[in-house]
Full PDB file with SEQRES, HELIX, SHEET, SSBOND, CRYST1, ORIGX, SCALE, CONECT and MASTER records, all heavy atoms in Angstrom:
SEQRES   1 A   35  ASP ARG PRO ARG ILE ILE GLU ALA VAL THR GLU ARG ILE          
SEQRES   2 A   35  VAL MET ARG TYR GLU ALA GLU PRO GLN ALA LEU GLU GLN          
SEQRES   3 A   35  ALA LEU PHE ASP THR LEU TYR GLU GLU                          
HELIX    1 AA1 ARG A    2  GLU A   18  1                                  17    
HELIX    2 AA2 PRO A   21  GLU A   34  1                                  14    
CRYST1    1.000    1.000    1.000  90.00  90.00  90.00 P 1           1          
ORIGX1      1.000000  0.000000  0.000000        0.00000                         
ORIGX2      0.000000  1.000000  0.000000        0.00000                         
ORIGX3      0.000000  0.000000  1.000000        0.00000                         
SCALE1      1.000000  0.000000  0.000000        0.00000                         
SCALE2      0.000000  1.000000  0.000000        0.00000                         
SCALE3      0.000000  0.000000  1.000000        0.00000                         
ATOM      1  N   ASP A   1      -6.716  11.035  12.545  1.00  0.00           N  
ATOM      2  CA  ASP A   1      -7.447  12.154  11.952  1.00  0.00           C  
ATOM      3  C   ASP A   1      -6.945  12.539  10.562  1.00  0.00           C  
ATOM      4  O   ASP A   1      -7.621  13.260   9.835  1.00  0.00           O  
ATOM      5  CB  ASP A   1      -7.353  13.395  12.850  1.00  0.00           C  
ATOM      6  CG  ASP A   1      -8.161  13.241  14.127  1.00  0.00           C  
ATOM      7  OD1 ASP A   1      -9.165  12.517  14.090  1.00  0.00           O  
ATOM      8  OD2 ASP A   1      -7.775  13.835  15.154  1.00  0.00           O  
ATOM      9  N   ARG A   2      -5.749  12.072  10.193  1.00  0.00           N  
ATOM     10  CA  ARG A   2      -5.153  12.507   8.932  1.00  0.00           C  
ATOM     11  C   ARG A   2      -5.997  12.126   7.715  1.00  0.00           C  
ATOM     12  O   ARG A   2      -6.294  12.988   6.877  1.00  0.00           O  
ATOM     13  CB  ARG A   2      -3.731  11.949   8.803  1.00  0.00           C  
ATOM     14  CG  ARG A   2      -2.918  12.578   7.680  1.00  0.00           C  
ATOM     15  CD  ARG A   2      -1.489  12.056   7.668  1.00  0.00           C  
ATOM     16  NE  ARG A   2      -0.704  12.755   6.683  1.00  0.00           N  
ATOM     17  CZ  ARG A   2      -0.660  12.458   5.393  1.00  0.00           C  
ATOM     18  NH1 ARG A   2      -1.390  11.440   4.932  1.00  0.00           N  
ATOM     19  NH2 ARG A   2       0.079  13.154   4.558  1.00  0.00           N  
ATOM     20  N   PRO A   3      -6.426  10.859   7.552  1.00  0.00           N  
ATOM     21  CA  PRO A   3      -7.261  10.536   6.379  1.00  0.00           C  
ATOM     22  C   PRO A   3      -8.566  11.331   6.364  1.00  0.00           C  
ATOM     23  O   PRO A   3      -9.043  11.730   5.295  1.00  0.00           O  
ATOM     24  CB  PRO A   3      -7.528   9.031   6.554  1.00  0.00           C  
ATOM     25  CG  PRO A   3      -6.453   8.533   7.446  1.00  0.00           C  
ATOM     26  CD  PRO A   3      -6.154   9.664   8.375  1.00  0.00           C  
ATOM     27  N   ARG A   4      -9.131  11.560   7.555  1.00  0.00           N  
ATOM     28  CA  ARG A   4     -10.407  12.282   7.632  1.00  0.00           C  
ATOM     29  C   ARG A   4     -10.277  13.712   7.155  1.00  0.00           C  
ATOM     30  O   ARG A   4     -11.131  14.217   6.423  1.00  0.00           O  
ATOM     31  CB  ARG A   4     -10.913  12.234   9.078  1.00  0.00           C  
ATOM     32  CG  ARG A   4     -12.284  12.856   9.276  1.00  0.00           C  
ATOM     33  CD  ARG A   4     -12.934  12.274  10.521  1.00  0.00           C  
ATOM     34  NE  ARG A   4     -12.219  12.603  11.725  1.00  0.00           N  
ATOM     35  CZ  ARG A   4     -12.573  13.614  12.540  1.00  0.00           C  
ATOM     36  NH1 ARG A   4     -13.609  14.377  12.243  1.00  0.00           N  
ATOM     37  NH2 ARG A   4     -11.893  13.848  13.645  1.00  0.00           N  
ATOM     38  N   ILE A   5      -9.175  14.391   7.539  1.00  0.00           N  
ATOM     39  CA  ILE A   5      -9.049  15.792   7.137  1.00  0.00           C  
ATOM     40  C   ILE A   5      -8.712  15.901   5.652  1.00  0.00           C  
ATOM     41  O   ILE A   5      -9.140  16.842   4.978  1.00  0.00           O  
ATOM     42  CB  ILE A   5      -8.008  16.531   8.006  1.00  0.00           C  
ATOM     43  CG1 ILE A   5      -8.219  18.050   7.843  1.00  0.00           C  
ATOM     44  CG2 ILE A   5      -6.583  16.152   7.635  1.00  0.00           C  
ATOM     45  CD1 ILE A   5      -7.417  18.885   8.809  1.00  0.00           C  
ATOM     46  N   ILE A   6      -7.974  14.938   5.108  1.00  0.00           N  
ATOM     47  CA  ILE A   6      -7.677  14.955   3.668  1.00  0.00           C  
ATOM     48  C   ILE A   6      -8.977  14.853   2.870  1.00  0.00           C  
ATOM     49  O   ILE A   6      -9.188  15.597   1.900  1.00  0.00           O  
ATOM     50  CB  ILE A   6      -6.706  13.814   3.305  1.00  0.00           C  
ATOM     51  CG1 ILE A   6      -5.306  14.102   3.884  1.00  0.00           C  
ATOM     52  CG2 ILE A   6      -6.618  13.642   1.783  1.00  0.00           C  
ATOM     53  CD1 ILE A   6      -4.330  12.955   3.717  1.00  0.00           C  
ATOM     54  N   GLU A   7      -9.840  13.946   3.276  1.00  0.00           N  
ATOM     55  CA  GLU A   7     -11.113  13.795   2.569  1.00  0.00           C  
ATOM     56  C   GLU A   7     -12.017  15.005   2.772  1.00  0.00           C  
ATOM     57  O   GLU A   7     -12.710  15.439   1.856  1.00  0.00           O  
ATOM     58  CB  GLU A   7     -11.827  12.523   3.029  1.00  0.00           C  
ATOM     59  CG  GLU A   7     -11.159  11.243   2.558  1.00  0.00           C  
ATOM     60  CD  GLU A   7     -10.923  11.238   1.052  1.00  0.00           C  
ATOM     61  OE1 GLU A   7     -11.885  11.531   0.291  1.00  0.00           O  
ATOM     62  OE2 GLU A   7      -9.784  10.956   0.635  1.00  0.00           O  
ATOM     63  N   ALA A   8     -11.990  15.577   3.977  1.00  0.00           N  
ATOM     64  CA  ALA A   8     -12.831  16.747   4.253  1.00  0.00           C  
ATOM     65  C   ALA A   8     -12.380  17.952   3.443  1.00  0.00           C  
ATOM     66  O   ALA A   8     -13.205  18.708   2.901  1.00  0.00           O  
ATOM     67  CB  ALA A   8     -12.799  17.060   5.744  1.00  0.00           C  
ATOM     68  N   VAL A   9     -11.055  18.160   3.337  1.00  0.00           N  
ATOM     69  CA  VAL A   9     -10.520  19.259   2.521  1.00  0.00           C  
ATOM     70  C   VAL A   9     -10.939  19.063   1.062  1.00  0.00           C  
ATOM     71  O   VAL A   9     -11.407  20.000   0.398  1.00  0.00           O  
ATOM     72  CB  VAL A   9      -8.984  19.327   2.640  1.00  0.00           C  
ATOM     73  CG1 VAL A   9      -8.400  20.260   1.571  1.00  0.00           C  
ATOM     74  CG2 VAL A   9      -8.574  19.816   4.023  1.00  0.00           C  
ATOM     75  N   THR A  10     -10.773  17.847   0.573  1.00  0.00           N  
ATOM     76  CA  THR A  10     -11.123  17.550  -0.827  1.00  0.00           C  
ATOM     77  C   THR A  10     -12.597  17.807  -1.090  1.00  0.00           C  
ATOM     78  O   THR A  10     -12.972  18.481  -2.064  1.00  0.00           O  
ATOM     79  CB  THR A  10     -10.779  16.083  -1.151  1.00  0.00           C  
ATOM     80  OG1 THR A  10      -9.391  15.847  -0.882  1.00  0.00           O  
ATOM     81  CG2 THR A  10     -11.064  15.774  -2.612  1.00  0.00           C  
ATOM     82  N   GLU A  11     -13.438  17.298  -0.222  1.00  0.00           N  
ATOM     83  CA  GLU A  11     -14.879  17.440  -0.415  1.00  0.00           C  
ATOM     84  C   GLU A  11     -15.310  18.904  -0.361  1.00  0.00           C  
ATOM     85  O   GLU A  11     -16.094  19.362  -1.190  1.00  0.00           O  
ATOM     86  CB  GLU A  11     -15.623  16.641   0.646  1.00  0.00           C  
ATOM     87  CG  GLU A  11     -17.140  16.715   0.513  1.00  0.00           C  
ATOM     88  CD  GLU A  11     -17.853  15.946   1.601  1.00  0.00           C  
ATOM     89  OE1 GLU A  11     -17.170  15.351   2.480  1.00  0.00           O  
ATOM     90  OE2 GLU A  11     -19.103  15.940   1.589  1.00  0.00           O  
ATOM     91  N   ARG A  12     -14.768  19.641   0.609  1.00  0.00           N  
ATOM     92  CA  ARG A  12     -15.204  21.028   0.775  1.00  0.00           C  
ATOM     93  C   ARG A  12     -14.824  21.878  -0.436  1.00  0.00           C  
ATOM     94  O   ARG A  12     -15.602  22.720  -0.886  1.00  0.00           O  
ATOM     95  CB  ARG A  12     -14.604  21.612   2.054  1.00  0.00           C  
ATOM     96  CG  ARG A  12     -15.091  23.019   2.358  1.00  0.00           C  
ATOM     97  CD  ARG A  12     -14.758  23.440   3.772  1.00  0.00           C  
ATOM     98  NE  ARG A  12     -15.523  22.682   4.753  1.00  0.00           N  
ATOM     99  CZ  ARG A  12     -15.456  22.896   6.078  1.00  0.00           C  
ATOM    100  NH1 ARG A  12     -14.642  23.838   6.548  1.00  0.00           N  
ATOM    101  NH2 ARG A  12     -16.191  22.181   6.910  1.00  0.00           N  
ATOM    102  N   ILE A  13     -13.634  21.687  -0.971  1.00  0.00           N  
ATOM    103  CA  ILE A  13     -13.192  22.499  -2.105  1.00  0.00           C  
ATOM    104  C   ILE A  13     -13.925  22.105  -3.383  1.00  0.00           C  
ATOM    105  O   ILE A  13     -14.385  22.970  -4.139  1.00  0.00           O  
ATOM    106  CB  ILE A  13     -11.663  22.381  -2.283  1.00  0.00           C  
ATOM    107  CG1 ILE A  13     -10.954  23.083  -1.114  1.00  0.00           C  
ATOM    108  CG2 ILE A  13     -11.222  23.003  -3.613  1.00  0.00           C  
ATOM    109  CD1 ILE A  13      -9.449  22.983  -1.156  1.00  0.00           C  
ATOM    110  N   VAL A  14     -14.058  20.816  -3.620  1.00  0.00           N  
ATOM    111  CA  VAL A  14     -14.728  20.374  -4.843  1.00  0.00           C  
ATOM    112  C   VAL A  14     -16.189  20.805  -4.834  1.00  0.00           C  
ATOM    113  O   VAL A  14     -16.727  21.248  -5.860  1.00  0.00           O  
ATOM    114  CB  VAL A  14     -14.603  18.844  -5.010  1.00  0.00           C  
ATOM    115  CG1 VAL A  14     -15.448  18.363  -6.188  1.00  0.00           C  
ATOM    116  CG2 VAL A  14     -13.138  18.466  -5.241  1.00  0.00           C  
ATOM    117  N   MET A  15     -16.856  20.712  -3.702  1.00  0.00           N  
ATOM    118  CA  MET A  15     -18.255  21.132  -3.606  1.00  0.00           C  
ATOM    119  C   MET A  15     -18.416  22.612  -3.921  1.00  0.00           C  
ATOM    120  O   MET A  15     -19.445  23.035  -4.453  1.00  0.00           O  
ATOM    121  CB  MET A  15     -18.807  20.822  -2.210  1.00  0.00           C  
ATOM    122  CG  MET A  15     -19.121  19.353  -1.968  1.00  0.00           C  
ATOM    123  SD  MET A  15     -19.820  19.068  -0.318  1.00  0.00           S  
ATOM    124  CE  MET A  15     -21.341  20.021  -0.429  1.00  0.00           C  
ATOM    125  N   ARG A  16     -17.403  23.384  -3.591  1.00  0.00           N  
ATOM    126  CA  ARG A  16     -17.453  24.820  -3.860  1.00  0.00           C  
ATOM    127  C   ARG A  16     -17.509  25.098  -5.364  1.00  0.00           C  
ATOM    128  O   ARG A  16     -18.068  26.091  -5.811  1.00  0.00           O  
ATOM    129  CB  ARG A  16     -16.225  25.491  -3.234  1.00  0.00           C  
ATOM    130  CG  ARG A  16     -16.273  27.009  -3.189  1.00  0.00           C  
ATOM    131  CD  ARG A  16     -15.008  27.550  -2.551  1.00  0.00           C  
ATOM    132  NE  ARG A  16     -14.792  26.956  -1.236  1.00  0.00           N  
ATOM    133  CZ  ARG A  16     -13.606  26.898  -0.629  1.00  0.00           C  
ATOM    134  NH1 ARG A  16     -12.531  27.344  -1.242  1.00  0.00           N  
ATOM    135  NH2 ARG A  16     -13.502  26.371   0.563  1.00  0.00           N  
ATOM    136  N   TYR A  17     -16.908  24.207  -6.142  1.00  0.00           N  
ATOM    137  CA  TYR A  17     -16.855  24.406  -7.593  1.00  0.00           C  
ATOM    138  C   TYR A  17     -17.984  23.706  -8.343  1.00  0.00           C  
ATOM    139  O   TYR A  17     -18.243  24.005  -9.508  1.00  0.00           O  
ATOM    140  CB  TYR A  17     -15.516  23.915  -8.140  1.00  0.00           C  
ATOM    141  CG  TYR A  17     -14.362  24.849  -7.861  1.00  0.00           C  
ATOM    142  CD1 TYR A  17     -13.465  24.583  -6.830  1.00  0.00           C  
ATOM    143  CD2 TYR A  17     -14.168  26.005  -8.628  1.00  0.00           C  
ATOM    144  CE1 TYR A  17     -12.397  25.425  -6.578  1.00  0.00           C  
ATOM    145  CE2 TYR A  17     -13.110  26.853  -8.383  1.00  0.00           C  
ATOM    146  CZ  TYR A  17     -12.232  26.565  -7.348  1.00  0.00           C  
ATOM    147  OH  TYR A  17     -11.182  27.413  -7.094  1.00  0.00           O  
ATOM    148  N   GLU A  18     -18.634  22.761  -7.695  1.00  0.00           N  
ATOM    149  CA  GLU A  18     -19.642  21.953  -8.386  1.00  0.00           C  
ATOM    150  C   GLU A  18     -20.774  22.786  -8.972  1.00  0.00           C  
ATOM    151  O   GLU A  18     -21.297  22.483 -10.056  1.00  0.00           O  
ATOM    152  CB  GLU A  18     -20.226  20.917  -7.423  1.00  0.00           C  
ATOM    153  CG  GLU A  18     -19.451  19.624  -7.400  1.00  0.00           C  
ATOM    154  CD  GLU A  18     -20.144  18.574  -6.571  1.00  0.00           C  
ATOM    155  OE1 GLU A  18     -20.752  18.925  -5.537  1.00  0.00           O  
ATOM    156  OE2 GLU A  18     -20.099  17.384  -6.963  1.00  0.00           O  
ATOM    157  N   ALA A  19     -21.166  23.832  -8.267  1.00  0.00           N  
ATOM    158  CA  ALA A  19     -22.306  24.639  -8.715  1.00  0.00           C  
ATOM    159  C   ALA A  19     -21.980  25.468  -9.952  1.00  0.00           C  
ATOM    160  O   ALA A  19     -22.886  25.966 -10.619  1.00  0.00           O  
ATOM    161  CB  ALA A  19     -22.781  25.548  -7.585  1.00  0.00           C  
ATOM    162  N   GLU A  20     -20.682  25.637 -10.264  1.00  0.00           N  
ATOM    163  CA  GLU A  20     -20.273  26.447 -11.412  1.00  0.00           C  
ATOM    164  C   GLU A  20     -19.317  25.637 -12.286  1.00  0.00           C  
ATOM    165  O   GLU A  20     -18.094  25.688 -12.097  1.00  0.00           O  
ATOM    166  CB  GLU A  20     -19.582  27.736 -10.959  1.00  0.00           C  
ATOM    167  CG  GLU A  20     -20.457  28.627 -10.065  1.00  0.00           C  
ATOM    168  CD  GLU A  20     -19.724  29.886  -9.647  1.00  0.00           C  
ATOM    169  OE1 GLU A  20     -19.118  30.537 -10.529  1.00  0.00           O  
ATOM    170  OE2 GLU A  20     -19.750  30.203  -8.453  1.00  0.00           O  
ATOM    171  N   PRO A  21     -19.843  24.868 -13.238  1.00  0.00           N  
ATOM    172  CA  PRO A  21     -18.996  24.007 -14.083  1.00  0.00           C  
ATOM    173  C   PRO A  21     -17.875  24.770 -14.793  1.00  0.00           C  
ATOM    174  O   PRO A  21     -16.769  24.244 -14.943  1.00  0.00           O  
ATOM    175  CB  PRO A  21     -19.996  23.423 -15.088  1.00  0.00           C  
ATOM    176  CG  PRO A  21     -21.311  23.462 -14.370  1.00  0.00           C  
ATOM    177  CD  PRO A  21     -21.277  24.705 -13.535  1.00  0.00           C  
ATOM    178  N   GLN A  22     -18.158  25.985 -15.241  1.00  0.00           N  
ATOM    179  CA  GLN A  22     -17.112  26.757 -15.927  1.00  0.00           C  
ATOM    180  C   GLN A  22     -15.978  27.098 -14.972  1.00  0.00           C  
ATOM    181  O   GLN A  22     -14.799  27.036 -15.351  1.00  0.00           O  
ATOM    182  CB  GLN A  22     -17.705  28.030 -16.527  1.00  0.00           C  
ATOM    183  CG  GLN A  22     -18.609  27.772 -17.729  1.00  0.00           C  
ATOM    184  CD  GLN A  22     -19.089  29.061 -18.363  1.00  0.00           C  
ATOM    185  OE1 GLN A  22     -19.058  30.124 -17.756  1.00  0.00           O  
ATOM    186  NE2 GLN A  22     -19.527  28.968 -19.610  1.00  0.00           N  
ATOM    187  N   ALA A  23     -16.330  27.463 -13.728  1.00  0.00           N  
ATOM    188  CA  ALA A  23     -15.301  27.776 -12.739  1.00  0.00           C  
ATOM    189  C   ALA A  23     -14.486  26.533 -12.406  1.00  0.00           C  
ATOM    190  O   ALA A  23     -13.266  26.607 -12.220  1.00  0.00           O  
ATOM    191  CB  ALA A  23     -15.937  28.351 -11.481  1.00  0.00           C  
ATOM    192  N   LEU A  24     -15.156  25.382 -12.336  1.00  0.00           N  
ATOM    193  CA  LEU A  24     -14.453  24.125 -12.056  1.00  0.00           C  
ATOM    194  C   LEU A  24     -13.455  23.815 -13.157  1.00  0.00           C  
ATOM    195  O   LEU A  24     -12.290  23.486 -12.893  1.00  0.00           O  
ATOM    196  CB  LEU A  24     -15.479  23.004 -11.924  1.00  0.00           C  
ATOM    197  CG  LEU A  24     -14.967  21.635 -11.468  1.00  0.00           C  
ATOM    198  CD1 LEU A  24     -16.077  20.856 -10.755  1.00  0.00           C  
ATOM    199  CD2 LEU A  24     -14.441  20.792 -12.642  1.00  0.00           C  
ATOM    200  N   GLU A  25     -13.889  23.949 -14.405  1.00  0.00           N  
ATOM    201  CA  GLU A  25     -13.007  23.666 -15.534  1.00  0.00           C  
ATOM    202  C   GLU A  25     -11.814  24.623 -15.556  1.00  0.00           C  
ATOM    203  O   GLU A  25     -10.672  24.210 -15.774  1.00  0.00           O  
ATOM    204  CB  GLU A  25     -13.805  23.781 -16.840  1.00  0.00           C  
ATOM    205  CG  GLU A  25     -12.987  23.430 -18.083  1.00  0.00           C  
ATOM    206  CD  GLU A  25     -13.824  23.496 -19.345  1.00  0.00           C  
ATOM    207  OE1 GLU A  25     -15.048  23.765 -19.244  1.00  0.00           O  
ATOM    208  OE2 GLU A  25     -13.265  23.274 -20.434  1.00  0.00           O  
ATOM    209  N   GLN A  26     -12.072  25.897 -15.296  1.00  0.00           N  
ATOM    210  CA  GLN A  26     -10.992  26.878 -15.304  1.00  0.00           C  
ATOM    211  C   GLN A  26      -9.994  26.611 -14.188  1.00  0.00           C  
ATOM    212  O   GLN A  26      -8.780  26.712 -14.392  1.00  0.00           O  
ATOM    213  CB  GLN A  26     -11.554  28.294 -15.165  1.00  0.00           C  
ATOM    214  CG  GLN A  26     -10.466  29.374 -15.232  1.00  0.00           C  
ATOM    215  CD  GLN A  26     -11.051  30.777 -15.226  1.00  0.00           C  
ATOM    216  OE1 GLN A  26     -12.251  30.963 -15.418  1.00  0.00           O  
ATOM    217  NE2 GLN A  26     -10.197  31.761 -14.999  1.00  0.00           N  
ATOM    218  N   ALA A  27     -10.515  26.244 -13.001  1.00  0.00           N  
ATOM    219  CA  ALA A  27      -9.627  25.944 -11.879  1.00  0.00           C  
ATOM    220  C   ALA A  27      -8.722  24.766 -12.200  1.00  0.00           C  
ATOM    221  O   ALA A  27      -7.523  24.772 -11.883  1.00  0.00           O  
ATOM    222  CB  ALA A  27     -10.453  25.655 -10.631  1.00  0.00           C  
ATOM    223  N   LEU A  28      -9.283  23.747 -12.854  1.00  0.00           N  
ATOM    224  CA  LEU A  28      -8.494  22.563 -13.197  1.00  0.00           C  
ATOM    225  C   LEU A  28      -7.398  22.907 -14.201  1.00  0.00           C  
ATOM    226  O   LEU A  28      -6.226  22.574 -13.993  1.00  0.00           O  
ATOM    227  CB  LEU A  28      -9.417  21.483 -13.764  1.00  0.00           C  
ATOM    228  CG  LEU A  28      -8.731  20.211 -14.266  1.00  0.00           C  
ATOM    229  CD1 LEU A  28      -7.973  19.525 -13.134  1.00  0.00           C  
ATOM    230  CD2 LEU A  28      -9.753  19.259 -14.879  1.00  0.00           C  
ATOM    231  N   PHE A  29      -7.759  23.617 -15.283  1.00  0.00           N  
ATOM    232  CA  PHE A  29      -6.755  23.928 -16.312  1.00  0.00           C  
ATOM    233  C   PHE A  29      -5.718  24.930 -15.800  1.00  0.00           C  
ATOM    234  O   PHE A  29      -4.526  24.814 -16.131  1.00  0.00           O  
ATOM    235  CB  PHE A  29      -7.437  24.458 -17.575  1.00  0.00           C  
ATOM    236  CG  PHE A  29      -7.997  23.369 -18.452  1.00  0.00           C  
ATOM    237  CD1 PHE A  29      -9.371  23.139 -18.519  1.00  0.00           C  
ATOM    238  CD2 PHE A  29      -7.155  22.558 -19.195  1.00  0.00           C  
ATOM    239  CE1 PHE A  29      -9.885  22.122 -19.313  1.00  0.00           C  
ATOM    240  CE2 PHE A  29      -7.653  21.544 -20.002  1.00  0.00           C  
ATOM    241  CZ  PHE A  29      -9.029  21.328 -20.062  1.00  0.00           C  
ATOM    242  N   ASP A  30      -6.141  25.898 -14.995  1.00  0.00           N  
ATOM    243  CA  ASP A  30      -5.180  26.854 -14.432  1.00  0.00           C  
ATOM    244  C   ASP A  30      -4.172  26.143 -13.534  1.00  0.00           C  
ATOM    245  O   ASP A  30      -2.966  26.440 -13.568  1.00  0.00           O  
ATOM    246  CB  ASP A  30      -5.910  27.938 -13.623  1.00  0.00           C  
ATOM    247  CG  ASP A  30      -6.629  28.943 -14.503  1.00  0.00           C  
ATOM    248  OD1 ASP A  30      -6.430  28.906 -15.729  1.00  0.00           O  
ATOM    249  OD2 ASP A  30      -7.397  29.766 -13.958  1.00  0.00           O  
ATOM    250  N   THR A  31      -4.670  25.195 -12.755  1.00  0.00           N  
ATOM    251  CA  THR A  31      -3.786  24.467 -11.847  1.00  0.00           C  
ATOM    252  C   THR A  31      -2.795  23.600 -12.620  1.00  0.00           C  
ATOM    253  O   THR A  31      -1.597  23.567 -12.302  1.00  0.00           O  
ATOM    254  CB  THR A  31      -4.610  23.585 -10.887  1.00  0.00           C  
ATOM    255  OG1 THR A  31      -5.524  24.408 -10.164  1.00  0.00           O  
ATOM    256  CG2 THR A  31      -3.704  22.840  -9.919  1.00  0.00           C  
ATOM    257  N   LEU A  32      -3.275  22.903 -13.637  1.00  0.00           N  
ATOM    258  CA  LEU A  32      -2.376  22.074 -14.451  1.00  0.00           C  
ATOM    259  C   LEU A  32      -1.315  22.918 -15.141  1.00  0.00           C  
ATOM    260  O   LEU A  32      -0.139  22.529 -15.227  1.00  0.00           O  
ATOM    261  CB  LEU A  32      -3.188  21.287 -15.481  1.00  0.00           C  
ATOM    262  CG  LEU A  32      -4.130  20.211 -14.914  1.00  0.00           C  
ATOM    263  CD1 LEU A  32      -4.964  19.599 -16.028  1.00  0.00           C  
ATOM    264  CD2 LEU A  32      -3.343  19.134 -14.178  1.00  0.00           C  
ATOM    265  N   TYR A  33      -1.707  24.093 -15.597  1.00  0.00           N  
ATOM    266  CA  TYR A  33      -0.750  24.990 -16.259  1.00  0.00           C  
ATOM    267  C   TYR A  33       0.333  25.443 -15.277  1.00  0.00           C  
ATOM    268  O   TYR A  33       1.539  25.371 -15.590  1.00  0.00           O  
ATOM    269  CB  TYR A  33      -1.495  26.207 -16.811  1.00  0.00           C  
ATOM    270  CG  TYR A  33      -0.585  27.304 -17.317  1.00  0.00           C  
ATOM    271  CD1 TYR A  33       0.083  27.171 -18.535  1.00  0.00           C  
ATOM    272  CD2 TYR A  33      -0.385  28.463 -16.576  1.00  0.00           C  
ATOM    273  CE1 TYR A  33       0.931  28.169 -19.003  1.00  0.00           C  
ATOM    274  CE2 TYR A  33       0.455  29.466 -17.030  1.00  0.00           C  
ATOM    275  CZ  TYR A  33       1.108  29.319 -18.234  1.00  0.00           C  
ATOM    276  OH  TYR A  33       1.945  30.318 -18.683  1.00  0.00           O  
ATOM    277  N   GLU A  34      -0.080  25.900 -14.086  1.00  0.00           N  
ATOM    278  CA  GLU A  34       0.890  26.385 -13.105  1.00  0.00           C  
ATOM    279  C   GLU A  34       1.810  25.266 -12.629  1.00  0.00           C  
ATOM    280  O   GLU A  34       3.017  25.473 -12.449  1.00  0.00           O  
ATOM    281  CB  GLU A  34       0.162  26.998 -11.906  1.00  0.00           C  
ATOM    282  CG  GLU A  34      -0.586  28.284 -12.194  1.00  0.00           C  
ATOM    283  CD  GLU A  34       0.357  29.456 -12.492  1.00  0.00           C  
ATOM    284  OE1 GLU A  34       1.574  29.313 -12.270  1.00  0.00           O  
ATOM    285  OE2 GLU A  34      -0.134  30.498 -12.939  1.00  0.00           O  
ATOM    286  N   GLU A  35       1.253  24.086 -12.441  1.00  0.00           N  
ATOM    287  CA  GLU A  35       2.060  22.970 -11.966  1.00  0.00           C  
ATOM    288  C   GLU A  35       3.065  22.510 -13.021  1.00  0.00           C  
ATOM    289  O   GLU A  35       4.210  22.173 -12.713  1.00  0.00           O  
ATOM    290  CB  GLU A  35       1.151  21.804 -11.564  1.00  0.00           C  
ATOM    291  CG  GLU A  35       0.539  21.951 -10.192  1.00  0.00           C  
ATOM    292  CD  GLU A  35       1.596  21.901  -9.111  1.00  0.00           C  
ATOM    293  OE1 GLU A  35       1.966  20.793  -8.685  1.00  0.00           O  
ATOM    294  OE2 GLU A  35       2.078  22.980  -8.694  1.00  0.00           O  
TER     295      GLU A  35                                                      
MASTER        0    0    0    2    0    0    0    6  294    1    0    3          
END                                                                             
């Protein structure tokens, strides 16, 4: 089940941002900055 849940987590979160390109871009840059 491990590969399946990794892909499901990835898909669910990315889909949440797809509808709002600006939110997606901000999430990416904020994450890179914090990391």
